[in-house]
Amino acid sequence: MIKTYANWEGDLEDYLQIGDVVDEEMADHFLNVLPPTCWTAKIIQIGEPNSHVGGKATYATLEKTSQGWVYRGNCHRGETEGRS
């Protein structure tokens, strides 16, 4: 099931679980809420750190896959492995 921006209520981390596929509107939100910290053809990371792990900031992350945009949790800049 695709998680949609239109159905999102409350905290992002309460709505999205690692591995959730999101719609294009949610991906657009990741791009437009703040200037992204990382934006490539395969990764979008929200521009504000969520936390710090190992002395490095982590960011809410989407990864482009064959399924579409997939939420990967909070990852270090440029990475898609959840850290927190």
C-alpha atoms as a PDB file:
ATOM      1  CA  MET A   1       0.000   0.000   0.000  1.00  0.00           C
ATOM      2  CA  ILE A   2       1.326   3.446  -0.913  1.00  0.00           C
ATOM      3  CA  LYS A   3       1.403   6.036   1.863  1.00  0.00           C
ATOM      4  CA  THR A   4       0.008   9.322   0.562  1.00  0.00           C
ATOM      5  CA  TYR A   5       0.733  12.899   1.488  1.00  0.00           C
ATOM      6  CA  ALA A   6      -3.018  13.581   1.536  1.00  0.00           C
ATOM      7  CA  ASN A   7      -3.559  10.988   4.308  1.00  0.00           C
ATOM      8  CA  TRP A   8      -0.623  12.115   6.460  1.00  0.00           C
ATOM      9  CA  GLU A   9      -1.573  13.325   9.930  1.00  0.00           C
ATOM     10  CA  GLY A  10       0.644  13.926  12.927  1.00  0.00           C
ATOM     11  CA  ASP A  11       4.360  13.263  13.163  1.00  0.00           C
ATOM     12  CA  LEU A  12       6.179  12.022  10.058  1.00  0.00           C
ATOM     13  CA  GLU A  13       7.861   9.216  12.026  1.00  0.00           C
ATOM     14  CA  ASP A  14       4.482   8.040  13.322  1.00  0.00           C
ATOM     15  CA  TYR A  15       3.034   7.962   9.794  1.00  0.00           C
ATOM     16  CA  LEU A  16       5.936   6.437   7.867  1.00  0.00           C
ATOM     17  CA  GLN A  17       7.690   3.182   8.660  1.00  0.00           C
ATOM     18  CA  ILE A  18      10.986   2.152   7.066  1.00  0.00           C
ATOM     19  CA  GLY A  19      10.186   0.437   3.774  1.00  0.00           C
ATOM     20  CA  ASP A  20       6.917   2.302   3.099  1.00  0.00           C
ATOM     21  CA  VAL A  21       6.385   3.363  -0.506  1.00  0.00           C
ATOM     22  CA  VAL A  22       5.183   6.974  -0.734  1.00  0.00           C
ATOM     23  CA  ASP A  23       3.406   8.934  -3.458  1.00  0.00           C
ATOM     24  CA  GLU A  24       4.956  11.669  -5.603  1.00  0.00           C
ATOM     25  CA  GLU A  25       3.271  14.358  -3.511  1.00  0.00           C
ATOM     26  CA  MET A  26       5.137  13.090  -0.420  1.00  0.00           C
ATOM     27  CA  ALA A  27       8.404  13.094  -2.395  1.00  0.00           C
ATOM     28  CA  ASP A  28       7.639  16.680  -3.443  1.00  0.00           C
ATOM     29  CA  HIS A  29       7.139  17.574   0.228  1.00  0.00           C
ATOM     30  CA  PHE A  30      10.605  16.180   1.049  1.00  0.00           C
ATOM     31  CA  LEU A  31      12.006  18.442  -1.672  1.00  0.00           C
ATOM     32  CA  ASN A  32      10.043  21.571  -0.827  1.00  0.00           C
ATOM     33  CA  VAL A  33       9.659  21.700   2.974  1.00  0.00           C
ATOM     34  CA  LEU A  34      13.273  22.975   3.223  1.00  0.00           C
ATOM     35  CA  PRO A  35      16.123  22.993   0.739  1.00  0.00           C
ATOM     36  CA  PRO A  36      17.132  19.299   0.674  1.00  0.00           C
ATOM     37  CA  THR A  37      20.402  18.290   2.277  1.00  0.00           C
ATOM     38  CA  CYS A  38      20.826  15.690  -0.479  1.00  0.00           C
ATOM     39  CA  TRP A  39      18.936  15.458  -3.746  1.00  0.00           C
ATOM     40  CA  THR A  40      19.924  13.086  -6.540  1.00  0.00           C
ATOM     41  CA  ALA A  41      18.014  10.904  -8.981  1.00  0.00           C
ATOM     42  CA  LYS A  42      17.959   8.189  -6.271  1.00  0.00           C
ATOM     43  CA  ILE A  43      17.875  10.028  -2.913  1.00  0.00           C
ATOM     44  CA  ILE A  44      15.935  12.885  -1.318  1.00  0.00           C
ATOM     45  CA  GLN A  45      16.798  13.967   2.228  1.00  0.00           C
ATOM     46  CA  ILE A  46      14.948  16.700   4.129  1.00  0.00           C
ATOM     47  CA  GLY A  47      17.280  19.634   4.818  1.00  0.00           C
ATOM     48  CA  GLU A  48      16.936  19.687   8.596  1.00  0.00           C
ATOM     49  CA  PRO A  49      18.683  17.069  10.749  1.00  0.00           C
ATOM     50  CA  ASN A  50      16.413  14.750  12.691  1.00  0.00           C
ATOM     51  CA  SER A  51      19.080  13.622  15.136  1.00  0.00           C
ATOM     52  CA  HIS A  52      22.792  12.885  15.455  1.00  0.00           C
ATOM     53  CA  VAL A  53      24.277   9.383  15.477  1.00  0.00           C
ATOM     54  CA  GLY A  54      27.996   8.782  15.833  1.00  0.00           C
ATOM     55  CA  GLY A  55      28.592  12.535  15.833  1.00  0.00           C
ATOM     56  CA  LYS A  56      26.941  12.937  12.400  1.00  0.00           C
ATOM     57  CA  ALA A  57      23.527  14.360  11.548  1.00  0.00           C
ATOM     58  CA  THR A  58      20.769  12.102  10.237  1.00  0.00           C
ATOM     59  CA  TYR A  59      18.004  13.157   7.848  1.00  0.00           C
ATOM     60  CA  ALA A  60      14.595  11.778   6.855  1.00  0.00           C
ATOM     61  CA  THR A  61      15.370   9.901   3.638  1.00  0.00           C
ATOM     62  CA  LEU A  62      13.561   8.664   0.547  1.00  0.00           C
ATOM     63  CA  GLU A  63      15.214   6.331  -1.959  1.00  0.00           C
ATOM     64  CA  LYS A  64      13.993   5.830  -5.539  1.00  0.00           C
ATOM     65  CA  THR A  65      13.502   2.119  -6.279  1.00  0.00           C
ATOM     66  CA  SER A  66      11.672   0.066  -8.877  1.00  0.00           C
ATOM     67  CA  GLN A  67       8.621   0.332  -6.561  1.00  0.00           C
ATOM     68  CA  GLY A  68       8.813   4.142  -6.428  1.00  0.00           C
ATOM     69  CA  TRP A  69      10.012   6.386  -3.595  1.00  0.00           C
ATOM     70  CA  VAL A  70      10.653   4.326  -0.437  1.00  0.00           C
ATOM     71  CA  TYR A  71      11.085   5.769   3.054  1.00  0.00           C
ATOM     72  CA  ARG A  72      14.435   4.688   4.548  1.00  0.00           C
ATOM     73  CA  GLY A  73      14.195   6.359   7.955  1.00  0.00           C
ATOM     74  CA  ASN A  74      16.803   8.778   9.273  1.00  0.00           C
ATOM     75  CA  CYS A  75      20.110   8.318   7.486  1.00  0.00           C
ATOM     76  CA  HIS A  76      23.444  10.066   7.304  1.00  0.00           C
ATOM     77  CA  ARG A  77      23.819  12.531   4.427  1.00  0.00           C
ATOM     78  CA  GLY A  78      23.878  10.728   1.071  1.00  0.00           C
ATOM     79  CA  GLU A  79      23.113   7.327   2.616  1.00  0.00           C
ATOM     80  CA  THR A  80      20.000   5.135   2.618  1.00  0.00           C
ATOM     81  CA  GLU A  81      20.669   2.968   5.677  1.00  0.00           C
ATOM     82  CA  GLY A  82      18.598   4.095   8.666  1.00  0.00           C
ATOM     83  CA  ARG A  83      20.664   5.232  11.656  1.00  0.00           C
ATOM     84  CA  SER A  84      18.028   6.195  14.206  1.00  0.00           C
END
